[in-house]
């Protein structure tokens, strides 16, 4: 986390999965919220959805796009975190992030099923 903060402050963009390395799938953790608090950068949730894919039997059900499959990126509204956020605000923002992520996931599912 300290290295990510240093790199963001140096001007490098940062991206990582908000559901963490162990899941559960699509469940936002507080790490991105703390990072946003420390850097002043908003959190932008997004989902990449493919029309056709192979799915790995793992906790996150990793999807590998099939050749020539179309894909779309679905963004949600950014979530900003004040620098003076206490634990209650961090949890509130994590819940907001979760809602935005759910919204992007649902839009992706609707696109793929249409």
PDB file of N, CA and C in Angstrom:
ATOM      1  N   UNK A   1       0.838  -1.189   0.000  1.00  0.00           N
ATOM      2  CA  UNK A   1       0.000   0.000   0.000  1.00  0.00           C
ATOM      3  C   UNK A   1       0.884   1.254   0.000  1.00  0.00           C
ATOM      4  N   UNK A   2       1.943   1.265   0.810  1.00  0.00           N
ATOM      5  CA  UNK A   2       2.823   2.428   0.886  1.00  0.00           C
ATOM      6  C   UNK A   2       3.460   2.704  -0.475  1.00  0.00           C
ATOM      7  N   UNK A   3       3.897   1.644  -1.150  1.00  0.00           N
ATOM      8  CA  UNK A   3       4.512   1.813  -2.467  1.00  0.00           C
ATOM      9  C   UNK A   3       3.493   2.328  -3.487  1.00  0.00           C
ATOM     10  N   UNK A   4       2.258   1.848  -3.417  1.00  0.00           N
ATOM     11  CA  UNK A   4       1.221   2.326  -4.333  1.00  0.00           C
ATOM     12  C   UNK A   4       0.962   3.811  -4.106  1.00  0.00           C
ATOM     13  N   UNK A   5       0.902   4.234  -2.870  1.00  0.00           N
ATOM     14  CA  UNK A   5       0.694   5.655  -2.565  1.00  0.00           C
ATOM     15  C   UNK A   5       1.832   6.489  -3.132  1.00  0.00           C
ATOM     16  N   UNK A   6       3.059   6.017  -2.942  1.00  0.00           N
ATOM     17  CA  UNK A   6       4.227   6.743  -3.457  1.00  0.00           C
ATOM     18  C   UNK A   6       4.167   6.861  -4.981  1.00  0.00           C
ATOM     19  N   UNK A   7       3.825   5.787  -5.659  1.00  0.00           N
ATOM     20  CA  UNK A   7       3.771   5.799  -7.120  1.00  0.00           C
ATOM     21  C   UNK A   7       2.647   6.694  -7.646  1.00  0.00           C
ATOM     22  N   UNK A   8       1.500   6.671  -6.987  1.00  0.00           N
ATOM     23  CA  UNK A   8       0.391   7.540  -7.399  1.00  0.00           C
ATOM     24  C   UNK A   8       0.787   8.999  -7.233  1.00  0.00           C
ATOM     25  N   UNK A   9       1.408   9.318  -6.113  1.00  0.00           N
ATOM     26  CA  UNK A   9       1.850  10.704  -5.880  1.00  0.00           C
ATOM     27  C   UNK A   9       2.913  11.135  -6.881  1.00  0.00           C
ATOM     28  N   UNK A  10       3.651  10.159  -7.435  1.00  0.00           N
ATOM     29  CA  UNK A  10       4.659  10.452  -8.455  1.00  0.00           C
ATOM     30  C   UNK A  10       4.023  10.597  -9.838  1.00  0.00           C
ATOM     31  N   UNK A  11       2.698  10.378  -9.929  1.00  0.00           N
ATOM     32  CA  UNK A  11       1.996  10.594 -11.190  1.00  0.00           C
ATOM     33  C   UNK A  11       1.674   9.347 -11.980  1.00  0.00           C
ATOM     34  N   UNK A  12       1.991   8.179 -11.458  1.00  0.00           N
ATOM     35  CA  UNK A  12       1.679   6.944 -12.179  1.00  0.00           C
ATOM     36  C   UNK A  12       0.234   6.539 -11.934  1.00  0.00           C
ATOM     37  N   UNK A  13      -0.474   6.107 -12.977  1.00  0.00           N
ATOM     38  CA  UNK A  13      -1.836   5.617 -12.782  1.00  0.00           C
ATOM     39  C   UNK A  13      -1.785   4.266 -12.074  1.00  0.00           C
ATOM     40  N   UNK A  14      -2.841   3.926 -11.388  1.00  0.00           N
ATOM     41  CA  UNK A  14      -2.873   2.684 -10.617  1.00  0.00           C
ATOM     42  C   UNK A  14      -4.201   1.981 -10.856  1.00  0.00           C
ATOM     43  N   UNK A  15      -4.155   0.676 -10.999  1.00  0.00           N
ATOM     44  CA  UNK A  15      -5.381  -0.122 -11.134  1.00  0.00           C
ATOM     45  C   UNK A  15      -5.153  -1.465 -10.468  1.00  0.00           C
ATOM     46  N   UNK A  16      -6.183  -1.965  -9.823  1.00  0.00           N
ATOM     47  CA  UNK A  16      -6.126  -3.303  -9.249  1.00  0.00           C
ATOM     48  C   UNK A  16      -7.539  -3.793  -8.996  1.00  0.00           C
ATOM     49  N   UNK A  17      -7.663  -5.066  -8.735  1.00  0.00           N
ATOM     50  CA  UNK A  17      -8.986  -5.637  -8.510  1.00  0.00           C
ATOM     51  C   UNK A  17      -9.472  -5.271  -7.115  1.00  0.00           C
ATOM     52  N   UNK A  18     -10.681  -4.752  -7.036  1.00  0.00           N
ATOM     53  CA  UNK A  18     -11.210  -4.310  -5.743  1.00  0.00           C
ATOM     54  C   UNK A  18     -11.711  -5.468  -4.898  1.00  0.00           C
ATOM     55  N   UNK A  19     -11.858  -6.655  -5.506  1.00  0.00           N
ATOM     56  CA  UNK A  19     -12.330  -7.793  -4.712  1.00  0.00           C
ATOM     57  C   UNK A  19     -11.178  -8.577  -4.093  1.00  0.00           C
ATOM     58  N   UNK A  20      -9.977  -8.055  -4.188  1.00  0.00           N
ATOM     59  CA  UNK A  20      -8.842  -8.662  -3.510  1.00  0.00           C
ATOM     60  C   UNK A  20      -8.362  -9.946  -4.155  1.00  0.00           C
ATOM     61  N   UNK A  21      -7.247 -10.454  -3.683  1.00  0.00           N
ATOM     62  CA  UNK A  21      -6.674 -11.654  -4.299  1.00  0.00           C
ATOM     63  C   UNK A  21      -7.387 -12.959  -3.927  1.00  0.00           C
ATOM     64  N   UNK A  22      -8.276 -12.918  -2.935  1.00  0.00           N
ATOM     65  CA  UNK A  22      -8.931 -14.146  -2.489  1.00  0.00           C
ATOM     66  C   UNK A  22     -10.457 -14.092  -2.538  1.00  0.00           C
ATOM     67  N   UNK A  23     -11.008 -12.948  -2.927  1.00  0.00           N
ATOM     68  CA  UNK A  23     -12.455 -12.857  -3.065  1.00  0.00           C
ATOM     69  C   UNK A  23     -13.164 -12.543  -1.770  1.00  0.00           C
ATOM     70  N   UNK A  24     -14.442 -12.740  -1.723  1.00  0.00           N
ATOM     71  CA  UNK A  24     -15.309 -13.307  -2.753  1.00  0.00           C
ATOM     72  C   UNK A  24     -15.409 -12.414  -3.996  1.00  0.00           C
ATOM     73  N   UNK A  25     -15.796 -13.049  -5.075  1.00  0.00           N
ATOM     74  CA  UNK A  25     -15.903 -12.379  -6.370  1.00  0.00           C
ATOM     75  C   UNK A  25     -16.837 -11.184  -6.283  1.00  0.00           C
ATOM     76  N   UNK A  26     -16.395 -10.069  -6.840  1.00  0.00           N
ATOM     77  CA  UNK A  26     -17.158  -8.822  -6.926  1.00  0.00           C
ATOM     78  C   UNK A  26     -17.497  -8.221  -5.563  1.00  0.00           C
ATOM     79  N   UNK A  27     -16.784  -8.585  -4.531  1.00  0.00           N
ATOM     80  CA  UNK A  27     -17.015  -7.975  -3.220  1.00  0.00           C
ATOM     81  C   UNK A  27     -15.887  -6.979  -2.935  1.00  0.00           C
ATOM     82  N   UNK A  28     -16.236  -5.706  -2.970  1.00  0.00           N
ATOM     83  CA  UNK A  28     -15.248  -4.640  -2.790  1.00  0.00           C
ATOM     84  C   UNK A  28     -14.690  -4.655  -1.372  1.00  0.00           C
ATOM     85  N   UNK A  29     -13.379  -4.491  -1.267  1.00  0.00           N
ATOM     86  CA  UNK A  29     -12.702  -4.420   0.023  1.00  0.00           C
ATOM     87  C   UNK A  29     -12.405  -2.957   0.339  1.00  0.00           C
ATOM     88  N   UNK A  30     -11.909  -2.684   1.522  1.00  0.00           N
ATOM     89  CA  UNK A  30     -11.657  -1.299   1.938  1.00  0.00           C
ATOM     90  C   UNK A  30     -10.315  -0.761   1.449  1.00  0.00           C
ATOM     91  N   UNK A  31      -9.428  -1.613   0.933  1.00  0.00           N
ATOM     92  CA  UNK A  31      -8.118  -1.161   0.465  1.00  0.00           C
ATOM     93  C   UNK A  31      -8.166  -0.016  -0.536  1.00  0.00           C
ATOM     94  N   UNK A  32      -8.978  -0.125  -1.589  1.00  0.00           N
ATOM     95  CA  UNK A  32      -9.068   0.978  -2.550  1.00  0.00           C
ATOM     96  C   UNK A  32      -9.582   2.272  -1.914  1.00  0.00           C
ATOM     97  N   UNK A  33     -10.458   2.153  -0.916  1.00  0.00           N
ATOM     98  CA  UNK A  33     -11.004   3.335  -0.245  1.00  0.00           C
ATOM     99  C   UNK A  33      -9.913   4.020   0.559  1.00  0.00           C
ATOM    100  N   UNK A  34      -9.107   3.246   1.266  1.00  0.00           N
ATOM    101  CA  UNK A  34      -7.997   3.808   2.040  1.00  0.00           C
ATOM    102  C   UNK A  34      -6.984   4.459   1.092  1.00  0.00           C
ATOM    103  N   UNK A  35      -6.708   3.817  -0.033  1.00  0.00           N
ATOM    104  CA  UNK A  35      -5.792   4.379  -1.023  1.00  0.00           C
ATOM    105  C   UNK A  35      -6.318   5.711  -1.558  1.00  0.00           C
ATOM    106  N   UNK A  36      -7.610   5.785  -1.840  1.00  0.00           N
ATOM    107  CA  UNK A  36      -8.222   7.034  -2.319  1.00  0.00           C
ATOM    108  C   UNK A  36      -8.141   8.118  -1.246  1.00  0.00           C
ATOM    109  N   UNK A  37      -8.334   7.748  -0.007  1.00  0.00           N
ATOM    110  CA  UNK A  37      -8.240   8.708   1.099  1.00  0.00           C
ATOM    111  C   UNK A  37      -6.832   9.280   1.183  1.00  0.00           C
ATOM    112  N   UNK A  38      -5.826   8.422   1.083  1.00  0.00           N
ATOM    113  CA  UNK A  38      -4.429   8.847   1.252  1.00  0.00           C
ATOM    114  C   UNK A  38      -3.891   9.635   0.062  1.00  0.00           C
ATOM    115  N   UNK A  39      -4.444   9.405  -1.137  1.00  0.00           N
ATOM    116  CA  UNK A  39      -3.914  10.062  -2.333  1.00  0.00           C
ATOM    117  C   UNK A  39      -4.789  11.204  -2.844  1.00  0.00           C
ATOM    118  N   UNK A  40      -6.060  11.212  -2.453  1.00  0.00           N
ATOM    119  CA  UNK A  40      -6.978  12.218  -2.986  1.00  0.00           C
ATOM    120  C   UNK A  40      -7.530  11.855  -4.348  1.00  0.00           C
ATOM    121  N   UNK A  41      -7.138  10.713  -4.886  1.00  0.00           N
ATOM    122  CA  UNK A  41      -7.643  10.271  -6.186  1.00  0.00           C
ATOM    123  C   UNK A  41      -8.960   9.528  -6.011  1.00  0.00           C
ATOM    124  N   UNK A  42      -9.917   9.733  -6.917  1.00  0.00           N
ATOM    125  CA  UNK A  42     -11.180   8.986  -6.827  1.00  0.00           C
ATOM    126  C   UNK A  42     -10.988   7.543  -7.283  1.00  0.00           C
ATOM    127  N   UNK A  43     -11.947   6.705  -6.939  1.00  0.00           N
ATOM    128  CA  UNK A  43     -11.955   5.300  -7.361  1.00  0.00           C
ATOM    129  C   UNK A  43     -12.904   5.186  -8.542  1.00  0.00           C
ATOM    130  N   UNK A  44     -12.440   4.580  -9.611  1.00  0.00           N
ATOM    131  CA  UNK A  44     -13.264   4.374 -10.798  1.00  0.00           C
ATOM    132  C   UNK A  44     -13.451   2.875 -10.998  1.00  0.00           C
ATOM    133  N   UNK A  45     -14.644   2.395 -10.726  1.00  0.00           N
ATOM    134  CA  UNK A  45     -14.946   0.970 -10.919  1.00  0.00           C
ATOM    135  C   UNK A  45     -15.250   0.713 -12.383  1.00  0.00           C
ATOM    136  N   UNK A  46     -14.772  -0.429 -12.856  1.00  0.00           N
ATOM    137  CA  UNK A  46     -15.113  -0.824 -14.218  1.00  0.00           C
ATOM    138  C   UNK A  46     -15.101  -2.340 -14.322  1.00  0.00           C
ATOM    139  N   UNK A  47     -15.820  -2.831 -15.327  1.00  0.00           N
ATOM    140  CA  UNK A  47     -15.917  -4.260 -15.609  1.00  0.00           C
ATOM    141  C   UNK A  47     -15.707  -4.436 -17.101  1.00  0.00           C
ATOM    142  N   UNK A  48     -14.915  -5.433 -17.473  1.00  0.00           N
ATOM    143  CA  UNK A  48     -14.744  -5.793 -18.880  1.00  0.00           C
ATOM    144  C   UNK A  48     -15.573  -7.045 -19.117  1.00  0.00           C
ATOM    145  N   UNK A  49     -16.478  -6.961 -20.063  1.00  0.00           N
ATOM    146  CA  UNK A  49     -17.375  -8.080 -20.364  1.00  0.00           C
ATOM    147  C   UNK A  49     -17.135  -8.528 -21.798  1.00  0.00           C
ATOM    148  N   UNK A  50     -16.953  -9.827 -22.002  1.00  0.00           N
ATOM    149  CA  UNK A  50     -16.736 -10.409 -23.329  1.00  0.00           C
ATOM    150  C   UNK A  50     -17.986 -11.140 -23.781  1.00  0.00           C
ATOM    151  N   UNK A  51     -18.197 -11.145 -25.096  1.00  0.00           N
ATOM    152  CA  UNK A  51     -19.349 -11.879 -25.633  1.00  0.00           C
ATOM    153  C   UNK A  51     -19.163 -13.388 -25.485  1.00  0.00           C
ATOM    154  N   UNK A  52     -17.983 -13.855 -25.836  1.00  0.00           N
ATOM    155  CA  UNK A  52     -17.701 -15.298 -25.782  1.00  0.00           C
ATOM    156  C   UNK A  52     -16.385 -15.504 -25.039  1.00  0.00           C
ATOM    157  N   UNK A  53     -16.356 -16.505 -24.166  1.00  0.00           N
ATOM    158  CA  UNK A  53     -15.161 -16.715 -23.352  1.00  0.00           C
ATOM    159  C   UNK A  53     -15.124 -18.135 -22.806  1.00  0.00           C
ATOM    160  N   UNK A  54     -13.923 -18.529 -22.403  1.00  0.00           N
ATOM    161  CA  UNK A  54     -13.759 -19.736 -21.612  1.00  0.00           C
ATOM    162  C   UNK A  54     -13.720 -19.287 -20.160  1.00  0.00           C
ATOM    163  N   UNK A  55     -14.260 -20.101 -19.262  1.00  0.00           N
ATOM    164  CA  UNK A  55     -14.282 -19.732 -17.850  1.00  0.00           C
ATOM    165  C   UNK A  55     -13.475 -20.744 -17.042  1.00  0.00           C
ATOM    166  N   UNK A  56     -12.539 -20.225 -16.238  1.00  0.00           N
ATOM    167  CA  UNK A  56     -11.691 -21.064 -15.400  1.00  0.00           C
ATOM    168  C   UNK A  56     -12.455 -21.443 -14.137  1.00  0.00           C
ATOM    169  N   UNK A  57     -12.268 -22.644 -13.659  1.00  0.00           N
ATOM    170  CA  UNK A  57     -12.926 -23.095 -12.427  1.00  0.00           C
ATOM    171  C   UNK A  57     -12.087 -22.641 -11.225  1.00  0.00           C
ATOM    172  N   UNK A  58     -12.247 -21.374 -10.874  1.00  0.00           N
ATOM    173  CA  UNK A  58     -11.530 -20.793  -9.741  1.00  0.00           C
ATOM    174  C   UNK A  58     -12.510 -19.910  -8.975  1.00  0.00           C
ATOM    175  N   UNK A  59     -12.097 -19.394  -7.817  1.00  0.00           N
ATOM    176  CA  UNK A  59     -13.001 -18.591  -6.986  1.00  0.00           C
ATOM    177  C   UNK A  59     -13.546 -17.388  -7.737  1.00  0.00           C
ATOM    178  N   UNK A  60     -12.739 -16.806  -8.637  1.00  0.00           N
ATOM    179  CA  UNK A  60     -13.181 -15.604  -9.346  1.00  0.00           C
ATOM    180  C   UNK A  60     -13.795 -15.899 -10.711  1.00  0.00           C
ATOM    181  N   UNK A  61     -13.814 -17.172 -11.098  1.00  0.00           N
ATOM    182  CA  UNK A  61     -14.366 -17.575 -12.397  1.00  0.00           C
ATOM    183  C   UNK A  61     -13.775 -16.751 -13.545  1.00  0.00           C
ATOM    184  N   UNK A  62     -12.445 -16.670 -13.535  1.00  0.00           N
ATOM    185  CA  UNK A  62     -11.707 -15.922 -14.550  1.00  0.00           C
ATOM    186  C   UNK A  62     -12.211 -16.265 -15.946  1.00  0.00           C
ATOM    187  N   UNK A  63     -12.411 -15.231 -16.754  1.00  0.00           N
ATOM    188  CA  UNK A  63     -12.891 -15.409 -18.120  1.00  0.00           C
ATOM    189  C   UNK A  63     -11.767 -15.084 -19.092  1.00  0.00           C
ATOM    190  N   UNK A  64     -11.535 -15.985 -20.027  1.00  0.00           N
ATOM    191  CA  UNK A  64     -10.530 -15.791 -21.066  1.00  0.00           C
ATOM    192  C   UNK A  64     -11.270 -15.608 -22.374  1.00  0.00           C
ATOM    193  N   UNK A  65     -11.150 -14.427 -23.006  1.00  0.00           N
ATOM    194  CA  UNK A  65     -11.901 -14.176 -24.248  1.00  0.00           C
ATOM    195  C   UNK A  65     -11.520 -15.162 -25.348  1.00  0.00           C
ATOM    196  N   UNK A  66     -12.524 -15.613 -26.081  1.00  0.00           N
ATOM    197  CA  UNK A  66     -12.278 -16.467 -27.236  1.00  0.00           C
ATOM    198  C   UNK A  66     -11.822 -15.577 -28.391  1.00  0.00           C
ATOM    199  N   UNK A  67     -11.034 -16.140 -29.324  1.00  0.00           N
ATOM    200  CA  UNK A  67     -10.553 -15.339 -30.456  1.00  0.00           C
ATOM    201  C   UNK A  67     -11.706 -14.649 -31.194  1.00  0.00           C
ATOM    202  N   UNK A  68     -11.483 -13.401 -31.529  1.00  0.00           N
ATOM    203  CA  UNK A  68     -12.407 -12.568 -32.297  1.00  0.00           C
ATOM    204  C   UNK A  68     -13.696 -12.222 -31.552  1.00  0.00           C
ATOM    205  N   UNK A  69     -13.718 -12.461 -30.266  1.00  0.00           N
ATOM    206  CA  UNK A  69     -14.879 -12.094 -29.461  1.00  0.00           C
ATOM    207  C   UNK A  69     -14.862 -10.595 -29.196  1.00  0.00           C
ATOM    208  N   UNK A  70     -16.025  -9.985 -29.227  1.00  0.00           N
ATOM    209  CA  UNK A  70     -16.130  -8.569 -28.887  1.00  0.00           C
ATOM    210  C   UNK A  70     -16.164  -8.420 -27.378  1.00  0.00           C
ATOM    211  N   UNK A  71     -15.684  -7.286 -26.929  1.00  0.00           N
ATOM    212  CA  UNK A  71     -15.707  -6.992 -25.493  1.00  0.00           C
ATOM    213  C   UNK A  71     -16.083  -5.531 -25.304  1.00  0.00           C
ATOM    214  N   UNK A  72     -16.607  -5.233 -24.138  1.00  0.00           N
ATOM    215  CA  UNK A  72     -16.961  -3.858 -23.771  1.00  0.00           C
ATOM    216  C   UNK A  72     -16.503  -3.594 -22.353  1.00  0.00           C
ATOM    217  N   UNK A  73     -16.196  -2.320 -22.109  1.00  0.00           N
ATOM    218  CA  UNK A  73     -15.830  -1.888 -20.766  1.00  0.00           C
ATOM    219  C   UNK A  73     -16.989  -1.061 -20.227  1.00  0.00           C
ATOM    220  N   UNK A  74     -17.445  -1.402 -19.035  1.00  0.00           N
ATOM    221  CA  UNK A  74     -18.543  -0.695 -18.379  1.00  0.00           C
ATOM    222  C   UNK A  74     -18.002   0.030 -17.155  1.00  0.00           C
ATOM    223  N   UNK A  75     -18.113   1.353 -17.159  1.00  0.00           N
ATOM    224  CA  UNK A  75     -17.620   2.200 -16.074  1.00  0.00           C
ATOM    225  C   UNK A  75     -18.758   2.616 -15.165  1.00  0.00           C
ATOM    226  N   UNK A  76     -18.415   2.874 -13.921  1.00  0.00           N
ATOM    227  CA  UNK A  76     -19.364   3.438 -12.969  1.00  0.00           C
ATOM    228  C   UNK A  76     -18.894   4.845 -12.615  1.00  0.00           C
ATOM    229  N   UNK A  77     -19.753   5.605 -11.992  1.00  0.00           N
ATOM    230  CA  UNK A  77     -19.374   6.941 -11.536  1.00  0.00           C
ATOM    231  C   UNK A  77     -18.248   6.828 -10.504  1.00  0.00           C
ATOM    232  N   UNK A  78     -17.293   7.766 -10.526  1.00  0.00           N
ATOM    233  CA  UNK A  78     -16.187   7.714  -9.556  1.00  0.00           C
ATOM    234  C   UNK A  78     -16.682   7.905  -8.119  1.00  0.00           C
ATOM    235  N   UNK A  79     -15.937   7.314  -7.195  1.00  0.00           N
ATOM    236  CA  UNK A  79     -16.206   7.461  -5.767  1.00  0.00           C
ATOM    237  C   UNK A  79     -15.034   8.229  -5.164  1.00  0.00           C
ATOM    238  N   UNK A  80     -15.319   9.379  -4.570  1.00  0.00           N
ATOM    239  CA  UNK A  80     -14.281  10.181  -3.924  1.00  0.00           C
ATOM    240  C   UNK A  80     -14.334   9.965  -2.419  1.00  0.00           C
ATOM    241  N   UNK A  81     -13.165  10.018  -1.788  1.00  0.00           N
ATOM    242  CA  UNK A  81     -13.056   9.796  -0.347  1.00  0.00           C
ATOM    243  C   UNK A  81     -12.344  10.996   0.264  1.00  0.00           C
ATOM    244  N   UNK A  82     -12.962  11.668   1.241  1.00  0.00           N
ATOM    245  CA  UNK A  82     -12.306  12.816   1.865  1.00  0.00           C
ATOM    246  C   UNK A  82     -11.066  12.389   2.656  1.00  0.00           C
ATOM    247  N   UNK A  83     -10.076  13.273   2.693  1.00  0.00           N
ATOM    248  CA  UNK A  83      -8.818  12.935   3.374  1.00  0.00           C
ATOM    249  C   UNK A  83      -8.981  12.789   4.883  1.00  0.00           C
ATOM    250  N   UNK A  84     -10.048  13.341   5.436  1.00  0.00           N
ATOM    251  CA  UNK A  84     -10.280  13.229   6.882  1.00  0.00           C
ATOM    252  C   UNK A  84     -11.300  12.135   7.222  1.00  0.00           C
ATOM    253  N   UNK A  85     -11.517  11.198   6.304  1.00  0.00           N
ATOM    254  CA  UNK A  85     -12.510  10.135   6.510  1.00  0.00           C
ATOM    255  C   UNK A  85     -12.118   9.246   7.689  1.00  0.00           C
ATOM    256  N   UNK A  86     -13.079   9.024   8.589  1.00  0.00           N
ATOM    257  CA  UNK A  86     -12.855   8.105   9.706  1.00  0.00           C
ATOM    258  C   UNK A  86     -13.349   6.715   9.289  1.00  0.00           C
ATOM    259  N   UNK A  87     -13.305   5.765  10.206  1.00  0.00           N
ATOM    260  CA  UNK A  87     -13.693   4.388   9.889  1.00  0.00           C
ATOM    261  C   UNK A  87     -15.131   4.274   9.381  1.00  0.00           C
ATOM    262  N   UNK A  88     -16.034   5.073   9.948  1.00  0.00           N
ATOM    263  CA  UNK A  88     -17.431   5.030   9.506  1.00  0.00           C
ATOM    264  C   UNK A  88     -17.571   5.513   8.066  1.00  0.00           C
ATOM    265  N   UNK A  89     -16.861   6.585   7.725  1.00  0.00           N
ATOM    266  CA  UNK A  89     -16.907   7.123   6.359  1.00  0.00           C
ATOM    267  C   UNK A  89     -16.248   6.142   5.390  1.00  0.00           C
ATOM    268  N   UNK A  90     -15.161   5.514   5.812  1.00  0.00           N
ATOM    269  CA  UNK A  90     -14.499   4.530   4.952  1.00  0.00           C
ATOM    270  C   UNK A  90     -15.456   3.379   4.639  1.00  0.00           C
ATOM    271  N   UNK A  91     -16.190   2.908   5.633  1.00  0.00           N
ATOM    272  CA  UNK A  91     -17.159   1.831   5.394  1.00  0.00           C
ATOM    273  C   UNK A  91     -18.300   2.320   4.498  1.00  0.00           C
ATOM    274  N   UNK A  92     -18.733   3.551   4.695  1.00  0.00           N
ATOM    275  CA  UNK A  92     -19.778   4.135   3.851  1.00  0.00           C
ATOM    276  C   UNK A  92     -19.311   4.203   2.396  1.00  0.00           C
ATOM    277  N   UNK A  93     -18.070   4.633   2.189  1.00  0.00           N
ATOM    278  CA  UNK A  93     -17.521   4.735   0.837  1.00  0.00           C
ATOM    279  C   UNK A  93     -17.283   3.351   0.232  1.00  0.00           C
ATOM    280  N   UNK A  94     -16.910   2.363   1.059  1.00  0.00           N
ATOM    281  CA  UNK A  94     -16.754   0.997   0.563  1.00  0.00           C
ATOM    282  C   UNK A  94     -18.104   0.469   0.079  1.00  0.00           C
ATOM    283  N   UNK A  95     -19.160   0.773   0.828  1.00  0.00           N
ATOM    284  CA  UNK A  95     -20.511   0.375   0.411  1.00  0.00           C
ATOM    285  C   UNK A  95     -20.926   1.077  -0.878  1.00  0.00           C
ATOM    286  N   UNK A  96     -20.571   2.343  -0.995  1.00  0.00           N
ATOM    287  CA  UNK A  96     -20.854   3.084  -2.230  1.00  0.00           C
ATOM    288  C   UNK A  96     -20.095   2.471  -3.403  1.00  0.00           C
ATOM    289  N   UNK A  97     -18.825   2.134  -3.167  1.00  0.00           N
ATOM    290  CA  UNK A  97     -18.016   1.482  -4.196  1.00  0.00           C
ATOM    291  C   UNK A  97     -18.647   0.154  -4.597  1.00  0.00           C
ATOM    292  N   UNK A  98     -19.136  -0.605  -3.617  1.00  0.00           N
ATOM    293  CA  UNK A  98     -19.789  -1.877  -3.893  1.00  0.00           C
ATOM    294  C   UNK A  98     -21.016  -1.678  -4.779  1.00  0.00           C
ATOM    295  N   UNK A  99     -21.818  -0.674  -4.470  1.00  0.00           N
ATOM    296  CA  UNK A  99     -23.016  -0.392  -5.267  1.00  0.00           C
ATOM    297  C   UNK A  99     -22.644  -0.019  -6.698  1.00  0.00           C
ATOM    298  N   UNK A 100     -21.596   0.782  -6.856  1.00  0.00           N
ATOM    299  CA  UNK A 100     -21.151   1.177  -8.209  1.00  0.00           C
ATOM    300  C   UNK A 100     -20.632  -0.029  -8.974  1.00  0.00           C
ATOM    301  N   UNK A 101     -19.883  -0.896  -8.301  1.00  0.00           N
ATOM    302  CA  UNK A 101     -19.375  -2.104  -8.942  1.00  0.00           C
ATOM    303  C   UNK A 101     -20.531  -3.009  -9.364  1.00  0.00           C
ATOM    304  N   UNK A 102     -21.501  -3.197  -8.480  1.00  0.00           N
ATOM    305  CA  UNK A 102     -22.675  -4.014  -8.809  1.00  0.00           C
ATOM    306  C   UNK A 102     -23.394  -3.470 -10.037  1.00  0.00           C
ATOM    307  N   UNK A 103     -23.496  -2.149 -10.109  1.00  0.00           N
ATOM    308  CA  UNK A 103     -24.160  -1.506 -11.247  1.00  0.00           C
ATOM    309  C   UNK A 103     -23.416  -1.814 -12.553  1.00  0.00           C
ATOM    310  N   UNK A 104     -22.094  -1.695 -12.548  1.00  0.00           N
ATOM    311  CA  UNK A 104     -21.293  -1.960 -13.749  1.00  0.00           C
ATOM    312  C   UNK A 104     -21.386  -3.434 -14.145  1.00  0.00           C
ATOM    313  N   UNK A 105     -21.331  -4.330 -13.168  1.00  0.00           N
ATOM    314  CA  UNK A 105     -21.452  -5.765 -13.444  1.00  0.00           C
ATOM    315  C   UNK A 105     -22.799  -6.070 -14.080  1.00  0.00           C
ATOM    316  N   UNK A 106     -23.859  -5.513 -13.543  1.00  0.00           N
ATOM    317  CA  UNK A 106     -25.196  -5.759 -14.077  1.00  0.00           C
ATOM    318  C   UNK A 106     -25.352  -5.216 -15.499  1.00  0.00           C
ATOM    319  N   UNK A 107     -24.819  -4.041 -15.757  1.00  0.00           N
ATOM    320  CA  UNK A 107     -24.885  -3.490 -17.123  1.00  0.00           C
ATOM    321  C   UNK A 107     -24.133  -4.398 -18.095  1.00  0.00           C
ATOM    322  N   UNK A 108     -22.996  -4.933 -17.669  1.00  0.00           N
ATOM    323  CA  UNK A 108     -22.235  -5.860 -18.508  1.00  0.00           C
ATOM    324  C   UNK A 108     -23.002  -7.137 -18.778  1.00  0.00           C
ATOM    325  N   UNK A 109     -23.640  -7.671 -17.773  1.00  0.00           N
ATOM    326  CA  UNK A 109     -24.436  -8.893 -17.952  1.00  0.00           C
ATOM    327  C   UNK A 109     -25.596  -8.671 -18.924  1.00  0.00           C
ATOM    328  N   UNK A 110     -26.259  -7.529 -18.779  1.00  0.00           N
ATOM    329  CA  UNK A 110     -27.383  -7.219 -19.693  1.00  0.00           C
ATOM    330  C   UNK A 110     -26.881  -7.114 -21.126  1.00  0.00           C
ATOM    331  N   UNK A 111     -25.736  -6.482 -21.327  1.00  0.00           N
ATOM    332  CA  UNK A 111     -25.174  -6.338 -22.677  1.00  0.00           C
ATOM    333  C   UNK A 111     -24.875  -7.708 -23.277  1.00  0.00           C
ATOM    334  N   UNK A 112     -24.232  -8.578 -22.501  1.00  0.00           N
ATOM    335  CA  UNK A 112     -23.848  -9.884 -23.008  1.00  0.00           C
ATOM    336  C   UNK A 112     -25.074 -10.751 -23.307  1.00  0.00           C
ATOM    337  N   UNK A 113     -26.115 -10.637 -22.521  1.00  0.00           N
ATOM    338  CA  UNK A 113     -27.285 -11.487 -22.735  1.00  0.00           C
ATOM    339  C   UNK A 113     -28.237 -10.941 -23.810  1.00  0.00           C
ATOM    340  N   UNK A 114     -28.008  -9.705 -24.259  1.00  0.00           N
ATOM    341  CA  UNK A 114     -28.913  -9.151 -25.295  1.00  0.00           C
ATOM    342  C   UNK A 114     -28.521  -9.533 -26.688  1.00  0.00           C
TER     343      UNK A 114
END
